[in-house]
Amino acid sequence: MKAIKKYLNYIRTICAAIMNQIPSKLIFPLIIIGGIITGLGAYIVYASKAHSYLSNDPSACINCHVMIPYYQSWSRSSHTVWTNCNDCHVPHSNIFSKYTFKAIDGLYHSAVFTVNGESQSIRSRKGSSNVIMENCIRCHTHLNTAFVKTGMITYSQAIKGKGKACWDCHTKVPHMRISSLSSSPKIIVPLSQSPVPDWLKDIMKKNKS
């Protein structure tokens, strides 16, 4: 308890020293600007359901509507019972690499989707393909080494002609090559509720009428 109080006093001292260096006429505008930035940041986190990406729930992927065909093809595949999206699409060597990869890949997806830069047929990049193939081998190690003895190669080796990627033969597992934004126009999936609160929806309806 004493250590916590000491730490808090230390923080207060630093804050007071910083405030003393700021001209008094700038303090109020800076508080307003800081409040706006904090409020917008909090709203973006809330509206984007950022917390859902910390879970293993596959429905988090369809926060972005462009991922709906891929969620649907996974949900209809044999992998549904055994896997979720993270089982295949992020590294599992340690928790740091898992969430670092997830954050970088997620930010890339967000940037592309925000500017409508995605193609009709979304396919994994080389880095993602390496991770996916590593996870194929991780889950099917016994099959690859003891049963059919195909061995274990990386995706980088596969594209150099030293073997085949898993999906070169298993073309329908789990998303299939035909999955695209226009391949399933009437898909029904469990979309999450709108982040807009009911009271705000009521106000918006009244303004329209």
N, C-alpha and C. Protein backbone atom coordinates (compact mmCIF):
# COMPACT_ATOMS: atom_id res chain seq x y z
N MET A 1 0.82 -1.20 0.00
CA MET A 1 0.00 0.00 0.00
C MET A 1 0.86 1.27 0.00
N LYS A 2 1.94 1.24 0.81
CA LYS A 2 2.85 2.38 0.86
C LYS A 2 3.51 2.63 -0.49
N ALA A 3 3.83 1.53 -1.17
CA ALA A 3 4.48 1.65 -2.50
C ALA A 3 3.54 2.31 -3.50
N ILE A 4 2.23 1.97 -3.42
CA ILE A 4 1.25 2.57 -4.33
C ILE A 4 1.10 4.06 -4.06
N LYS A 5 1.02 4.44 -2.76
CA LYS A 5 0.91 5.85 -2.41
C LYS A 5 2.14 6.63 -2.87
N LYS A 6 3.29 6.02 -2.71
CA LYS A 6 4.54 6.65 -3.14
C LYS A 6 4.55 6.87 -4.65
N TYR A 7 4.07 5.86 -5.36
CA TYR A 7 4.00 5.96 -6.83
C TYR A 7 3.03 7.05 -7.26
N LEU A 8 1.85 7.12 -6.61
CA LEU A 8 0.85 8.14 -6.95
C LEU A 8 1.37 9.54 -6.66
N ASN A 9 2.07 9.70 -5.53
CA ASN A 9 2.67 11.00 -5.21
C ASN A 9 3.71 11.41 -6.24
N TYR A 10 4.44 10.42 -6.72
CA TYR A 10 5.45 10.67 -7.76
C TYR A 10 4.79 11.15 -9.05
N ILE A 11 3.67 10.51 -9.42
CA ILE A 11 2.92 10.91 -10.61
C ILE A 11 2.37 12.33 -10.45
N ARG A 12 1.82 12.63 -9.27
CA ARG A 12 1.29 13.97 -9.01
C ARG A 12 2.38 15.02 -9.13
N THR A 13 3.56 14.72 -8.62
CA THR A 13 4.68 15.66 -8.69
C THR A 13 5.06 15.95 -10.14
N ILE A 14 5.11 14.90 -10.95
CA ILE A 14 5.45 15.07 -12.37
C ILE A 14 4.39 15.90 -13.08
N CYS A 15 3.10 15.58 -12.82
CA CYS A 15 2.00 16.32 -13.45
C CYS A 15 2.03 17.79 -13.05
N ALA A 16 2.29 18.06 -11.77
CA ALA A 16 2.36 19.44 -11.30
C ALA A 16 3.51 20.19 -11.97
N ALA A 17 4.64 19.51 -12.12
CA ALA A 17 5.80 20.14 -12.78
C ALA A 17 5.49 20.47 -14.23
N ILE A 18 4.77 19.57 -14.92
CA ILE A 18 4.40 19.81 -16.32
C ILE A 18 3.42 20.97 -16.41
N MET A 19 2.42 20.99 -15.51
CA MET A 19 1.41 22.06 -15.52
C MET A 19 2.04 23.42 -15.26
N ASN A 20 3.06 23.45 -14.43
CA ASN A 20 3.72 24.72 -14.12
C ASN A 20 4.46 25.29 -15.32
N GLN A 21 4.80 24.42 -16.26
CA GLN A 21 5.52 24.86 -17.45
C GLN A 21 4.58 25.37 -18.55
N ILE A 22 3.29 25.11 -18.40
CA ILE A 22 2.31 25.51 -19.41
C ILE A 22 1.69 26.85 -19.03
N PRO A 23 1.67 27.82 -19.94
CA PRO A 23 1.02 29.10 -19.65
C PRO A 23 -0.44 28.88 -19.25
N SER A 24 -0.90 29.63 -18.26
CA SER A 24 -2.24 29.42 -17.71
C SER A 24 -3.34 29.59 -18.75
N LYS A 25 -3.14 30.47 -19.74
CA LYS A 25 -4.17 30.69 -20.76
C LYS A 25 -4.34 29.51 -21.71
N LEU A 26 -3.35 28.59 -21.71
CA LEU A 26 -3.42 27.43 -22.61
C LEU A 26 -4.00 26.19 -21.91
N ILE A 27 -4.09 26.23 -20.58
CA ILE A 27 -4.52 25.04 -19.84
C ILE A 27 -5.94 24.62 -20.22
N PHE A 28 -6.89 25.58 -20.23
CA PHE A 28 -8.28 25.24 -20.55
C PHE A 28 -8.45 24.71 -21.97
N PRO A 29 -7.87 25.40 -23.01
CA PRO A 29 -7.97 24.85 -24.37
C PRO A 29 -7.37 23.45 -24.50
N LEU A 30 -6.26 23.22 -23.78
CA LEU A 30 -5.63 21.90 -23.85
C LEU A 30 -6.51 20.82 -23.22
N ILE A 31 -7.21 21.20 -22.13
CA ILE A 31 -8.13 20.26 -21.49
C ILE A 31 -9.27 19.92 -22.44
N ILE A 32 -9.80 20.95 -23.13
CA ILE A 32 -10.89 20.72 -24.09
C ILE A 32 -10.42 19.81 -25.22
N ILE A 33 -9.26 20.12 -25.79
CA ILE A 33 -8.73 19.31 -26.90
C ILE A 33 -8.46 17.88 -26.44
N GLY A 34 -7.87 17.75 -25.24
CA GLY A 34 -7.60 16.42 -24.70
C GLY A 34 -8.88 15.63 -24.48
N GLY A 35 -9.93 16.32 -24.00
CA GLY A 35 -11.22 15.66 -23.79
C GLY A 35 -11.84 15.19 -25.09
N ILE A 36 -11.73 16.03 -26.14
CA ILE A 36 -12.28 15.66 -27.45
C ILE A 36 -11.55 14.43 -28.01
N ILE A 37 -10.22 14.47 -27.93
CA ILE A 37 -9.42 13.35 -28.45
C ILE A 37 -9.73 12.07 -27.67
N THR A 38 -9.81 12.18 -26.35
CA THR A 38 -10.12 11.01 -25.51
C THR A 38 -11.51 10.48 -25.82
N GLY A 39 -12.49 11.40 -25.97
CA GLY A 39 -13.86 10.98 -26.26
C GLY A 39 -13.99 10.30 -27.60
N LEU A 40 -13.34 10.88 -28.62
CA LEU A 40 -13.39 10.27 -29.96
C LEU A 40 -12.69 8.91 -29.95
N GLY A 41 -11.57 8.83 -29.25
CA GLY A 41 -10.85 7.56 -29.17
C GLY A 41 -11.69 6.48 -28.49
N ALA A 42 -12.36 6.87 -27.39
CA ALA A 42 -13.21 5.92 -26.67
C ALA A 42 -14.39 5.48 -27.53
N TYR A 43 -14.95 6.42 -28.30
CA TYR A 43 -16.09 6.07 -29.16
C TYR A 43 -15.66 5.13 -30.29
N ILE A 44 -14.50 5.39 -30.86
CA ILE A 44 -14.00 4.53 -31.94
C ILE A 44 -13.79 3.11 -31.43
N VAL A 45 -13.20 2.99 -30.23
CA VAL A 45 -13.00 1.67 -29.63
C VAL A 45 -14.33 0.97 -29.40
N TYR A 46 -15.32 1.75 -28.92
CA TYR A 46 -16.65 1.19 -28.65
C TYR A 46 -17.37 0.79 -29.94
N ALA A 47 -17.40 1.71 -30.92
CA ALA A 47 -18.13 1.47 -32.16
C ALA A 47 -17.52 0.34 -32.98
N SER A 48 -16.20 0.20 -32.92
CA SER A 48 -15.53 -0.84 -33.70
C SER A 48 -15.50 -2.19 -32.98
N LYS A 49 -16.02 -2.20 -31.74
CA LYS A 49 -16.01 -3.42 -30.91
C LYS A 49 -14.60 -3.98 -30.78
N ALA A 50 -13.65 -3.07 -30.53
CA ALA A 50 -12.23 -3.46 -30.48
C ALA A 50 -11.97 -4.55 -29.45
N HIS A 51 -12.72 -4.55 -28.36
CA HIS A 51 -12.51 -5.56 -27.31
C HIS A 51 -12.79 -6.98 -27.82
N SER A 52 -13.67 -7.09 -28.83
CA SER A 52 -14.03 -8.43 -29.33
C SER A 52 -12.85 -9.14 -29.99
N TYR A 53 -11.86 -8.35 -30.46
CA TYR A 53 -10.72 -8.94 -31.15
C TYR A 53 -9.74 -9.59 -30.18
N LEU A 54 -9.94 -9.37 -28.89
CA LEU A 54 -9.09 -10.02 -27.90
C LEU A 54 -9.56 -11.45 -27.61
N SER A 55 -10.75 -11.77 -28.09
CA SER A 55 -11.33 -13.09 -27.84
C SER A 55 -11.04 -14.04 -29.01
N ASN A 56 -11.52 -15.27 -28.87
CA ASN A 56 -11.41 -16.25 -29.95
C ASN A 56 -12.75 -16.47 -30.65
N ASP A 57 -13.68 -15.57 -30.43
CA ASP A 57 -15.02 -15.69 -31.00
C ASP A 57 -14.98 -15.39 -32.50
N PRO A 58 -15.33 -16.36 -33.36
CA PRO A 58 -15.31 -16.14 -34.81
C PRO A 58 -16.21 -15.00 -35.28
N SER A 59 -17.28 -14.72 -34.52
CA SER A 59 -18.19 -13.65 -34.94
C SER A 59 -17.53 -12.28 -34.92
N ALA A 60 -16.39 -12.16 -34.23
CA ALA A 60 -15.65 -10.89 -34.24
C ALA A 60 -15.18 -10.55 -35.65
N CYS A 61 -14.93 -11.57 -36.46
CA CYS A 61 -14.45 -11.33 -37.83
C CYS A 61 -15.49 -10.64 -38.69
N ILE A 62 -16.78 -10.87 -38.39
CA ILE A 62 -17.82 -10.26 -39.22
C ILE A 62 -18.27 -8.92 -38.67
N ASN A 63 -17.45 -8.31 -37.79
CA ASN A 63 -17.61 -6.89 -37.51
C ASN A 63 -17.42 -6.11 -38.81
N CYS A 64 -16.56 -6.65 -39.68
CA CYS A 64 -16.38 -6.11 -41.03
C CYS A 64 -17.25 -6.93 -41.97
N HIS A 65 -18.22 -6.29 -42.62
CA HIS A 65 -19.20 -7.03 -43.41
C HIS A 65 -18.58 -7.77 -44.59
N VAL A 66 -17.41 -7.30 -45.05
CA VAL A 66 -16.78 -7.96 -46.20
C VAL A 66 -16.30 -9.38 -45.87
N MET A 67 -16.23 -9.70 -44.58
CA MET A 67 -15.78 -11.03 -44.19
C MET A 67 -16.92 -12.03 -44.08
N ILE A 68 -18.14 -11.61 -44.34
CA ILE A 68 -19.30 -12.48 -44.18
C ILE A 68 -19.20 -13.77 -45.02
N PRO A 69 -18.84 -13.70 -46.32
CA PRO A 69 -18.74 -14.96 -47.10
C PRO A 69 -17.73 -15.94 -46.52
N TYR A 70 -16.68 -15.43 -45.90
CA TYR A 70 -15.62 -16.29 -45.36
C TYR A 70 -16.05 -16.90 -44.03
N TYR A 71 -16.80 -16.13 -43.26
CA TYR A 71 -17.38 -16.68 -42.03
C TYR A 71 -18.37 -17.80 -42.39
N GLN A 72 -19.19 -17.55 -43.40
CA GLN A 72 -20.20 -18.53 -43.80
C GLN A 72 -19.57 -19.81 -44.33
N SER A 73 -18.51 -19.68 -45.16
CA SER A 73 -17.87 -20.88 -45.71
C SER A 73 -17.17 -21.67 -44.60
N TRP A 74 -16.61 -20.98 -43.61
CA TRP A 74 -16.03 -21.68 -42.44
C TRP A 74 -17.13 -22.39 -41.66
N SER A 75 -18.25 -21.72 -41.44
CA SER A 75 -19.32 -22.29 -40.62
C SER A 75 -19.95 -23.51 -41.27
N ARG A 76 -19.78 -23.66 -42.59
CA ARG A 76 -20.33 -24.82 -43.31
C ARG A 76 -19.28 -25.89 -43.56
N SER A 77 -18.07 -25.67 -43.08
CA SER A 77 -16.99 -26.62 -43.36
C SER A 77 -16.80 -27.60 -42.22
N SER A 78 -15.97 -28.59 -42.45
CA SER A 78 -15.70 -29.61 -41.42
C SER A 78 -14.87 -29.03 -40.28
N HIS A 79 -14.26 -27.86 -40.50
CA HIS A 79 -13.43 -27.25 -39.46
C HIS A 79 -14.24 -26.57 -38.37
N THR A 80 -15.53 -26.34 -38.62
CA THR A 80 -16.34 -25.57 -37.67
C THR A 80 -16.32 -26.17 -36.27
N VAL A 81 -16.42 -27.48 -36.20
CA VAL A 81 -16.52 -28.16 -34.91
C VAL A 81 -15.21 -28.07 -34.13
N TRP A 82 -14.08 -28.02 -34.86
CA TRP A 82 -12.78 -28.17 -34.22
C TRP A 82 -12.00 -26.88 -34.10
N THR A 83 -12.30 -25.88 -34.90
CA THR A 83 -11.45 -24.69 -34.94
C THR A 83 -12.26 -23.40 -34.88
N ASN A 84 -11.57 -22.33 -34.52
CA ASN A 84 -12.08 -20.98 -34.72
C ASN A 84 -11.09 -20.24 -35.61
N CYS A 85 -11.36 -19.01 -35.92
CA CYS A 85 -10.52 -18.26 -36.86
C CYS A 85 -9.06 -18.16 -36.36
N ASN A 86 -8.90 -17.90 -35.06
CA ASN A 86 -7.55 -17.74 -34.51
C ASN A 86 -6.74 -19.02 -34.56
N ASP A 87 -7.40 -20.16 -34.52
CA ASP A 87 -6.67 -21.43 -34.58
C ASP A 87 -5.87 -21.54 -35.87
N CYS A 88 -6.39 -20.96 -36.93
CA CYS A 88 -5.74 -21.06 -38.24
C CYS A 88 -4.95 -19.82 -38.63
N HIS A 89 -5.43 -18.65 -38.24
CA HIS A 89 -4.92 -17.41 -38.83
C HIS A 89 -3.92 -16.62 -38.01
N VAL A 90 -3.59 -17.07 -36.80
CA VAL A 90 -2.55 -16.38 -36.02
C VAL A 90 -1.53 -17.38 -35.51
N PRO A 91 -0.30 -16.93 -35.25
CA PRO A 91 0.73 -17.86 -34.72
C PRO A 91 0.38 -18.35 -33.32
N HIS A 92 0.89 -19.52 -32.97
CA HIS A 92 0.63 -20.08 -31.65
C HIS A 92 1.92 -20.46 -30.92
N SER A 93 3.03 -19.87 -31.36
CA SER A 93 4.30 -20.17 -30.70
C SER A 93 4.34 -19.58 -29.29
N ASN A 94 3.79 -18.37 -29.12
CA ASN A 94 3.66 -17.76 -27.79
C ASN A 94 2.62 -16.65 -27.87
N ILE A 95 2.16 -16.18 -26.73
CA ILE A 95 1.07 -15.20 -26.69
C ILE A 95 1.49 -13.85 -27.26
N PHE A 96 2.78 -13.51 -27.13
CA PHE A 96 3.26 -12.23 -27.66
C PHE A 96 3.17 -12.21 -29.18
N SER A 97 3.69 -13.27 -29.82
CA SER A 97 3.66 -13.33 -31.29
C SER A 97 2.22 -13.40 -31.79
N LYS A 98 1.35 -14.07 -31.03
CA LYS A 98 -0.05 -14.19 -31.42
C LYS A 98 -0.72 -12.83 -31.52
N TYR A 99 -0.62 -12.04 -30.45
CA TYR A 99 -1.33 -10.77 -30.44
C TYR A 99 -0.62 -9.69 -31.24
N THR A 100 0.70 -9.79 -31.39
CA THR A 100 1.42 -8.85 -32.26
C THR A 100 0.99 -9.05 -33.70
N PHE A 101 0.98 -10.31 -34.14
CA PHE A 101 0.55 -10.61 -35.52
C PHE A 101 -0.90 -10.20 -35.72
N LYS A 102 -1.74 -10.49 -34.73
CA LYS A 102 -3.16 -10.18 -34.82
C LYS A 102 -3.38 -8.67 -34.95
N ALA A 103 -2.61 -7.89 -34.17
CA ALA A 103 -2.75 -6.43 -34.22
C ALA A 103 -2.30 -5.87 -35.56
N ILE A 104 -1.16 -6.32 -36.05
CA ILE A 104 -0.63 -5.82 -37.32
C ILE A 104 -1.55 -6.20 -38.48
N ASP A 105 -1.97 -7.46 -38.50
CA ASP A 105 -2.85 -7.93 -39.57
C ASP A 105 -4.21 -7.22 -39.49
N GLY A 106 -4.70 -7.02 -38.27
CA GLY A 106 -5.99 -6.35 -38.08
C GLY A 106 -5.96 -4.90 -38.53
N LEU A 107 -4.88 -4.20 -38.22
CA LEU A 107 -4.74 -2.81 -38.66
C LEU A 107 -4.65 -2.71 -40.18
N TYR A 108 -3.96 -3.68 -40.78
CA TYR A 108 -3.88 -3.70 -42.25
C TYR A 108 -5.27 -3.91 -42.85
N HIS A 109 -6.01 -4.87 -42.32
CA HIS A 109 -7.37 -5.14 -42.81
C HIS A 109 -8.25 -3.90 -42.65
N SER A 110 -8.16 -3.26 -41.49
CA SER A 110 -8.99 -2.07 -41.23
C SER A 110 -8.69 -0.97 -42.23
N ALA A 111 -7.41 -0.77 -42.52
CA ALA A 111 -7.03 0.28 -43.46
C ALA A 111 -7.57 -0.03 -44.86
N VAL A 112 -7.43 -1.28 -45.29
CA VAL A 112 -7.89 -1.67 -46.63
C VAL A 112 -9.41 -1.57 -46.73
N PHE A 113 -10.10 -2.09 -45.72
CA PHE A 113 -11.58 -2.10 -45.76
C PHE A 113 -12.14 -0.68 -45.67
N THR A 114 -11.48 0.19 -44.90
CA THR A 114 -11.97 1.56 -44.72
C THR A 114 -11.99 2.33 -46.04
N VAL A 115 -10.98 2.09 -46.88
CA VAL A 115 -10.90 2.80 -48.17
C VAL A 115 -11.48 1.98 -49.31
N ASN A 116 -12.20 0.88 -48.97
CA ASN A 116 -12.79 -0.01 -49.98
C ASN A 116 -11.74 -0.53 -50.96
N GLY A 117 -10.59 -0.89 -50.41
CA GLY A 117 -9.51 -1.35 -51.27
C GLY A 117 -9.43 -2.86 -51.43
N GLU A 118 -10.39 -3.57 -50.83
CA GLU A 118 -10.34 -5.03 -50.92
C GLU A 118 -10.79 -5.51 -52.29
N SER A 119 -10.26 -6.66 -52.71
CA SER A 119 -10.67 -7.25 -53.98
C SER A 119 -11.93 -8.07 -53.78
N GLN A 120 -12.56 -8.49 -54.86
CA GLN A 120 -13.76 -9.32 -54.75
C GLN A 120 -13.44 -10.67 -54.12
N SER A 121 -12.26 -11.19 -54.42
CA SER A 121 -11.84 -12.46 -53.82
C SER A 121 -10.67 -12.18 -52.89
N ILE A 122 -10.94 -12.16 -51.59
CA ILE A 122 -9.91 -11.86 -50.60
C ILE A 122 -9.07 -13.11 -50.37
N ARG A 123 -7.78 -12.97 -50.56
CA ARG A 123 -6.87 -14.09 -50.37
C ARG A 123 -5.75 -13.66 -49.42
N SER A 124 -5.19 -14.61 -48.71
CA SER A 124 -4.16 -14.29 -47.71
C SER A 124 -2.86 -13.85 -48.37
N ARG A 125 -2.16 -12.95 -47.69
CA ARG A 125 -0.83 -12.54 -48.14
C ARG A 125 0.20 -13.60 -47.76
N LYS A 126 1.43 -13.42 -48.22
CA LYS A 126 2.46 -14.43 -47.98
C LYS A 126 2.67 -14.68 -46.49
N GLY A 127 2.76 -13.59 -45.70
CA GLY A 127 2.97 -13.75 -44.27
C GLY A 127 1.85 -14.53 -43.61
N SER A 128 0.61 -14.23 -44.02
CA SER A 128 -0.54 -14.94 -43.47
C SER A 128 -0.56 -16.39 -43.93
N SER A 129 -0.19 -16.61 -45.19
CA SER A 129 -0.16 -17.98 -45.71
C SER A 129 0.84 -18.84 -44.96
N ASN A 130 1.99 -18.24 -44.60
CA ASN A 130 2.98 -18.98 -43.80
C ASN A 130 2.38 -19.42 -42.47
N VAL A 131 1.67 -18.49 -41.82
CA VAL A 131 1.07 -18.80 -40.52
C VAL A 131 0.00 -19.88 -40.67
N ILE A 132 -0.85 -19.74 -41.69
CA ILE A 132 -1.93 -20.70 -41.90
C ILE A 132 -1.37 -22.11 -42.13
N MET A 133 -0.34 -22.20 -42.97
CA MET A 133 0.22 -23.52 -43.26
C MET A 133 0.92 -24.11 -42.04
N GLU A 134 1.57 -23.27 -41.25
CA GLU A 134 2.17 -23.75 -40.01
C GLU A 134 1.10 -24.33 -39.07
N ASN A 135 -0.06 -23.69 -39.07
CA ASN A 135 -1.14 -24.18 -38.21
C ASN A 135 -1.78 -25.45 -38.77
N CYS A 136 -1.82 -25.57 -40.10
CA CYS A 136 -2.29 -26.83 -40.70
C CYS A 136 -1.41 -27.98 -40.20
N ILE A 137 -0.11 -27.75 -40.26
CA ILE A 137 0.85 -28.79 -39.87
C ILE A 137 0.79 -29.04 -38.36
N ARG A 138 0.61 -27.94 -37.60
CA ARG A 138 0.55 -28.06 -36.14
C ARG A 138 -0.63 -28.95 -35.72
N CYS A 139 -1.77 -28.76 -36.37
CA CYS A 139 -2.95 -29.55 -35.99
C CYS A 139 -2.90 -30.98 -36.54
N HIS A 140 -2.23 -31.14 -37.67
CA HIS A 140 -2.22 -32.46 -38.34
C HIS A 140 -0.82 -33.08 -38.33
N THR A 141 -0.05 -32.83 -37.29
CA THR A 141 1.32 -33.33 -37.22
C THR A 141 1.38 -34.85 -37.34
N HIS A 142 0.53 -35.54 -36.63
CA HIS A 142 0.57 -37.00 -36.66
C HIS A 142 0.24 -37.53 -38.05
N LEU A 143 -0.71 -36.89 -38.70
CA LEU A 143 -1.08 -37.30 -40.05
C LEU A 143 0.09 -37.09 -41.00
N ASN A 144 0.79 -35.96 -40.87
CA ASN A 144 1.88 -35.62 -41.79
C ASN A 144 3.14 -36.45 -41.57
N THR A 145 3.34 -36.92 -40.36
CA THR A 145 4.61 -37.60 -40.06
C THR A 145 4.50 -39.11 -39.88
N ALA A 146 3.37 -39.56 -39.33
CA ALA A 146 3.27 -40.99 -39.00
C ALA A 146 2.36 -41.76 -39.94
N PHE A 147 1.34 -41.09 -40.46
CA PHE A 147 0.34 -41.81 -41.25
C PHE A 147 0.69 -41.82 -42.73
N VAL A 148 0.68 -40.64 -43.36
CA VAL A 148 1.00 -40.59 -44.79
C VAL A 148 2.45 -40.19 -45.05
N LYS A 149 3.14 -39.70 -43.99
CA LYS A 149 4.57 -39.35 -44.07
C LYS A 149 4.87 -38.38 -45.21
N THR A 150 4.06 -37.34 -45.31
CA THR A 150 4.31 -36.32 -46.33
C THR A 150 5.41 -35.36 -45.91
N GLY A 151 5.74 -35.37 -44.62
CA GLY A 151 6.75 -34.43 -44.14
C GLY A 151 6.13 -33.08 -43.85
N MET A 152 6.95 -32.14 -43.40
CA MET A 152 6.46 -30.81 -43.05
C MET A 152 7.34 -29.75 -43.70
N ILE A 153 6.76 -28.98 -44.61
CA ILE A 153 7.48 -27.88 -45.24
C ILE A 153 6.74 -26.59 -44.95
N THR A 154 7.41 -25.48 -45.19
CA THR A 154 6.78 -24.18 -44.98
C THR A 154 6.13 -23.70 -46.28
N TYR A 155 5.31 -22.69 -46.18
CA TYR A 155 4.69 -22.13 -47.37
C TYR A 155 5.75 -21.52 -48.29
N SER A 156 6.79 -20.91 -47.68
CA SER A 156 7.87 -20.33 -48.48
C SER A 156 8.56 -21.39 -49.32
N GLN A 157 8.73 -22.59 -48.76
CA GLN A 157 9.32 -23.69 -49.52
C GLN A 157 8.37 -24.17 -50.61
N ALA A 158 7.09 -24.14 -50.31
CA ALA A 158 6.10 -24.59 -51.29
C ALA A 158 6.09 -23.70 -52.53
N ILE A 159 6.17 -22.39 -52.34
CA ILE A 159 6.12 -21.49 -53.51
C ILE A 159 7.43 -21.50 -54.29
N LYS A 160 8.47 -22.10 -53.70
CA LYS A 160 9.74 -22.28 -54.41
C LYS A 160 9.79 -23.62 -55.14
N GLY A 161 8.69 -24.37 -55.09
CA GLY A 161 8.61 -25.64 -55.81
C GLY A 161 9.13 -26.83 -55.05
N LYS A 162 9.36 -26.68 -53.73
CA LYS A 162 9.88 -27.79 -52.94
C LYS A 162 8.79 -28.67 -52.37
N GLY A 163 7.58 -28.42 -52.79
CA GLY A 163 6.43 -29.19 -52.31
C GLY A 163 5.17 -28.40 -52.61
N LYS A 164 4.07 -28.80 -52.04
CA LYS A 164 2.80 -28.11 -52.26
C LYS A 164 2.26 -27.56 -50.95
N ALA A 165 1.56 -26.44 -51.09
CA ALA A 165 0.84 -25.93 -49.93
C ALA A 165 -0.34 -26.84 -49.65
N CYS A 166 -0.77 -26.88 -48.42
CA CYS A 166 -1.86 -27.79 -48.03
C CYS A 166 -3.10 -27.59 -48.89
N TRP A 167 -3.43 -26.32 -49.17
CA TRP A 167 -4.66 -26.02 -49.90
C TRP A 167 -4.53 -26.21 -51.41
N ASP A 168 -3.33 -26.54 -51.90
CA ASP A 168 -3.20 -26.88 -53.32
C ASP A 168 -3.95 -28.17 -53.63
N CYS A 169 -4.02 -29.06 -52.65
CA CYS A 169 -4.77 -30.31 -52.81
C CYS A 169 -6.14 -30.24 -52.13
N HIS A 170 -6.15 -29.68 -50.95
CA HIS A 170 -7.40 -29.57 -50.18
C HIS A 170 -8.08 -28.24 -50.52
N THR A 171 -8.59 -28.16 -51.72
CA THR A 171 -9.08 -26.87 -52.25
C THR A 171 -10.39 -26.41 -51.62
N LYS A 172 -11.09 -27.29 -50.94
CA LYS A 172 -12.40 -26.91 -50.39
C LYS A 172 -12.39 -26.77 -48.86
N VAL A 173 -11.20 -26.72 -48.28
CA VAL A 173 -11.10 -26.63 -46.82
C VAL A 173 -10.36 -25.36 -46.43
N PRO A 174 -10.97 -24.53 -45.52
CA PRO A 174 -12.40 -24.52 -45.22
C PRO A 174 -13.14 -23.44 -46.00
N HIS A 175 -12.40 -22.46 -46.60
CA HIS A 175 -13.10 -21.35 -47.26
C HIS A 175 -13.38 -21.60 -48.74
N MET A 176 -12.66 -22.50 -49.33
CA MET A 176 -12.83 -22.84 -50.75
C MET A 176 -12.31 -21.71 -51.64
N ARG A 177 -11.85 -22.06 -52.80
CA ARG A 177 -11.29 -21.07 -53.72
C ARG A 177 -12.36 -20.17 -54.33
N ILE A 178 -13.61 -20.61 -54.28
CA ILE A 178 -14.66 -19.81 -54.91
C ILE A 178 -15.22 -18.75 -53.97
N SER A 179 -14.79 -18.73 -52.71
CA SER A 179 -15.29 -17.73 -51.77
C SER A 179 -14.93 -16.33 -52.25
N SER A 180 -15.92 -15.47 -52.31
CA SER A 180 -15.70 -14.09 -52.71
C SER A 180 -16.87 -13.25 -52.22
N LEU A 181 -16.74 -11.93 -52.36
CA LEU A 181 -17.78 -11.03 -51.87
C LEU A 181 -19.07 -11.16 -52.65
N SER A 182 -18.99 -11.62 -53.90
CA SER A 182 -20.18 -11.72 -54.73
C SER A 182 -20.68 -13.15 -54.92
N SER A 183 -20.01 -14.11 -54.29
CA SER A 183 -20.38 -15.52 -54.51
C SER A 183 -21.61 -15.94 -53.70
N SER A 184 -21.87 -15.24 -52.60
CA SER A 184 -23.00 -15.60 -51.74
C SER A 184 -23.75 -14.35 -51.32
N PRO A 185 -24.53 -13.78 -52.22
CA PRO A 185 -25.16 -12.47 -51.94
C PRO A 185 -26.27 -12.48 -50.89
N LYS A 186 -26.82 -13.64 -50.55
CA LYS A 186 -27.95 -13.69 -49.61
C LYS A 186 -27.64 -14.53 -48.37
N ILE A 187 -26.42 -14.38 -47.90
CA ILE A 187 -25.98 -15.15 -46.74
C ILE A 187 -26.68 -14.65 -45.47
N ILE A 188 -27.07 -15.58 -44.61
CA ILE A 188 -27.61 -15.23 -43.30
C ILE A 188 -26.60 -15.66 -42.24
N VAL A 189 -26.07 -14.69 -41.53
CA VAL A 189 -25.08 -14.96 -40.49
C VAL A 189 -25.48 -14.18 -39.24
N PRO A 190 -24.97 -14.58 -38.07
CA PRO A 190 -25.34 -13.91 -36.82
C PRO A 190 -24.64 -12.57 -36.64
N LEU A 191 -25.10 -11.55 -37.35
CA LEU A 191 -24.48 -10.23 -37.26
C LEU A 191 -24.71 -9.65 -35.86
N SER A 192 -23.71 -8.95 -35.38
CA SER A 192 -23.83 -8.35 -34.04
C SER A 192 -24.73 -7.12 -34.08
N GLN A 193 -25.23 -6.74 -32.92
CA GLN A 193 -26.11 -5.59 -32.83
C GLN A 193 -25.36 -4.30 -33.10
N SER A 194 -26.09 -3.29 -33.57
CA SER A 194 -25.50 -2.00 -33.84
C SER A 194 -24.97 -1.37 -32.55
N PRO A 195 -23.80 -0.73 -32.59
CA PRO A 195 -23.27 -0.08 -31.38
C PRO A 195 -23.99 1.22 -31.04
N VAL A 196 -24.87 1.69 -31.95
CA VAL A 196 -25.61 2.93 -31.69
C VAL A 196 -26.67 2.66 -30.63
N PRO A 197 -26.67 3.39 -29.50
CA PRO A 197 -27.65 3.13 -28.44
C PRO A 197 -29.08 3.46 -28.88
N ASP A 198 -30.05 2.83 -28.25
CA ASP A 198 -31.46 3.00 -28.64
C ASP A 198 -31.92 4.46 -28.52
N TRP A 199 -31.47 5.17 -27.46
CA TRP A 199 -31.92 6.55 -27.29
C TRP A 199 -31.46 7.44 -28.44
N LEU A 200 -30.26 7.14 -28.99
CA LEU A 200 -29.76 7.92 -30.10
C LEU A 200 -30.52 7.56 -31.39
N LYS A 201 -30.86 6.28 -31.54
CA LYS A 201 -31.67 5.86 -32.70
C LYS A 201 -33.02 6.57 -32.69
N ASP A 202 -33.63 6.70 -31.50
CA ASP A 202 -34.93 7.38 -31.38
C ASP A 202 -34.83 8.84 -31.79
N ILE A 203 -33.76 9.50 -31.37
CA ILE A 203 -33.54 10.90 -31.74
C ILE A 203 -33.38 11.05 -33.25
N MET A 204 -32.63 10.13 -33.84
CA MET A 204 -32.38 10.17 -35.28
C MET A 204 -33.67 9.95 -36.06
N LYS A 205 -34.53 9.03 -35.56
CA LYS A 205 -35.81 8.79 -36.21
C LYS A 205 -36.71 10.02 -36.15
N LYS A 206 -36.73 10.68 -34.99
CA LYS A 206 -37.56 11.87 -34.82
C LYS A 206 -37.09 13.00 -35.74
N ASN A 207 -35.78 13.13 -35.91
CA ASN A 207 -35.24 14.18 -36.78
C ASN A 207 -35.58 13.93 -38.24
N LYS A 208 -35.69 12.65 -38.60
CA LYS A 208 -36.03 12.32 -39.99
C LYS A 208 -37.52 12.56 -40.29
N SER A 209 -38.35 12.38 -39.28
CA SER A 209 -39.81 12.51 -39.49
C SER A 209 -40.26 13.97 -39.42
